[in-house]
C-alpha atoms as a PDB file:
ATOM      1  CA  UNK A   1     106.313  83.889  91.888  1.00  0.00           C
ATOM      2  CA  UNK A   2     102.696  82.711  91.615  1.00  0.00           C
ATOM      3  CA  UNK A   3      99.879  84.624  89.927  1.00  0.00           C
ATOM      4  CA  UNK A   4      98.483  85.966  93.202  1.00  0.00           C
ATOM      5  CA  UNK A   5     101.892  87.397  94.112  1.00  0.00           C
ATOM      6  CA  UNK A   6     102.326  88.886  90.641  1.00  0.00           C
ATOM      7  CA  UNK A   7      98.884  90.493  90.853  1.00  0.00           C
ATOM      8  CA  UNK A   8      99.516  91.877  94.348  1.00  0.00           C
ATOM      9  CA  UNK A   9     102.905  93.260  93.344  1.00  0.00           C
ATOM     10  CA  UNK A  10     101.545  94.878  90.176  1.00  0.00           C
ATOM     11  CA  UNK A  11      98.725  96.593  92.064  1.00  0.00           C
ATOM     12  CA  UNK A  12     101.104  97.929  94.685  1.00  0.00           C
ATOM     13  CA  UNK A  13     103.606  99.141  92.068  1.00  0.00           C
ATOM     14  CA  UNK A  14     100.902 100.873  90.003  1.00  0.00           C
ATOM     15  CA  UNK A  15      99.380 102.470  93.091  1.00  0.00           C
ATOM     16  CA  UNK A  16     102.732 103.799  94.279  1.00  0.00           C
ATOM     17  CA  UNK A  17     103.694 104.916  90.768  1.00  0.00           C
ATOM     18  CA  UNK A  18     100.490 106.958  90.619  1.00  0.00           C
ATOM     19  CA  UNK A  19     101.055 108.340  94.105  1.00  0.00           C
ATOM     20  CA  UNK A  20      97.803 107.094  95.601  1.00  0.00           C
ATOM     21  CA  UNK A  21      97.181 105.477  98.962  1.00  0.00           C
ATOM     22  CA  UNK A  22      95.420 102.186  99.589  1.00  0.00           C
ATOM     23  CA  UNK A  23      92.543 104.240 100.961  1.00  0.00           C
ATOM     24  CA  UNK A  24      92.285 106.300  97.764  1.00  0.00           C
ATOM     25  CA  UNK A  25      92.479 103.183  95.577  1.00  0.00           C
ATOM     26  CA  UNK A  26      89.712 101.636  97.666  1.00  0.00           C
ATOM     27  CA  UNK A  27      87.588 104.737  97.174  1.00  0.00           C
ATOM     28  CA  UNK A  28      88.214 104.847  93.419  1.00  0.00           C
ATOM     29  CA  UNK A  29      87.451 101.146  93.009  1.00  0.00           C
ATOM     30  CA  UNK A  30      84.469 101.188  95.401  1.00  0.00           C
ATOM     31  CA  UNK A  31      86.096  98.562  97.626  1.00  0.00           C
ATOM     32  CA  UNK A  32      87.115  98.653 101.296  1.00  0.00           C
ATOM     33  CA  UNK A  33      90.609  99.786 102.284  1.00  0.00           C
ATOM     34  CA  UNK A  34      91.281  96.602 104.238  1.00  0.00           C
ATOM     35  CA  UNK A  35      90.311  94.596 101.149  1.00  0.00           C
ATOM     36  CA  UNK A  36      92.964  96.448  99.098  1.00  0.00           C
ATOM     37  CA  UNK A  37      95.484  95.846 101.881  1.00  0.00           C
ATOM     38  CA  UNK A  38      94.608  92.141 101.948  1.00  0.00           C
ATOM     39  CA  UNK A  39      95.078  91.919  98.177  1.00  0.00           C
ATOM     40  CA  UNK A  40      98.503  93.552  98.349  1.00  0.00           C
ATOM     41  CA  UNK A  41      99.518  91.093 101.104  1.00  0.00           C
ATOM     42  CA  UNK A  42      98.276  88.097  99.065  1.00  0.00           C
ATOM     43  CA  UNK A  43      95.546  87.399 101.605  1.00  0.00           C
ATOM     44  CA  UNK A  44      92.665  87.558  99.101  1.00  0.00           C
ATOM     45  CA  UNK A  45      91.767  85.649  95.985  1.00  0.00           C
ATOM     46  CA  UNK A  46      89.592  88.191  94.213  1.00  0.00           C
ATOM     47  CA  UNK A  47      86.784  87.953  91.677  1.00  0.00           C
ATOM     48  CA  UNK A  48      87.057  89.107  88.089  1.00  0.00           C
ATOM     49  CA  UNK A  49      84.548  91.849  88.897  1.00  0.00           C
ATOM     50  CA  UNK A  50      86.897  93.289  91.503  1.00  0.00           C
ATOM     51  CA  UNK A  51      89.877  92.890  89.178  1.00  0.00           C
ATOM     52  CA  UNK A  52      87.980  95.047  86.697  1.00  0.00           C
ATOM     53  CA  UNK A  53      87.138  97.671  89.357  1.00  0.00           C
ATOM     54  CA  UNK A  54      90.762  97.918  90.448  1.00  0.00           C
ATOM     55  CA  UNK A  55      92.107  98.090  86.894  1.00  0.00           C
ATOM     56  CA  UNK A  56      89.657 100.886  86.048  1.00  0.00           C
ATOM     57  CA  UNK A  57      90.631 102.768  89.196  1.00  0.00           C
ATOM     58  CA  UNK A  58      94.315 102.451  88.245  1.00  0.00           C
ATOM     59  CA  UNK A  59      93.558 103.243  84.574  1.00  0.00           C
ATOM     60  CA  UNK A  60      95.286 100.113  83.282  1.00  0.00           C
ATOM     61  CA  UNK A  61      94.031  97.118  81.346  1.00  0.00           C
ATOM     62  CA  UNK A  62      93.127  94.150  83.567  1.00  0.00           C
ATOM     63  CA  UNK A  63      95.628  91.853  81.859  1.00  0.00           C
ATOM     64  CA  UNK A  64      98.461  94.220  82.793  1.00  0.00           C
ATOM     65  CA  UNK A  65      97.867  93.476  86.472  1.00  0.00           C
ATOM     66  CA  UNK A  66      98.328  89.762  85.803  1.00  0.00           C
ATOM     67  CA  UNK A  67     101.535  89.910  83.798  1.00  0.00           C
ATOM     68  CA  UNK A  68     104.895  89.194  85.347  1.00  0.00           C
ATOM     69  CA  UNK A  69     107.371  91.921  84.556  1.00  0.00           C
ATOM     70  CA  UNK A  70     110.201  90.610  82.398  1.00  0.00           C
ATOM     71  CA  UNK A  71     113.635  91.423  83.805  1.00  0.00           C
ATOM     72  CA  UNK A  72     116.261  92.156  81.182  1.00  0.00           C
ATOM     73  CA  UNK A  73     119.974  91.773  81.800  1.00  0.00           C
ATOM     74  CA  UNK A  74     121.791  95.041  81.295  1.00  0.00           C
END
């Protein structure tokens, strides 16, 4: 999985975990809903400024959106 895919997946997972729509995330981050959709579909390569807006809207640290989740064997 590349960094763009990791980022897109982490945003989607956080958004769903918090029970907010793409539209609400767009509103909270002051971005357009289609932009959020494009990010989640790996169609956008975003700026650091927008990474910061999205992380603030999701109330997570920016680096957390860039980290691949480690899968542990159970």
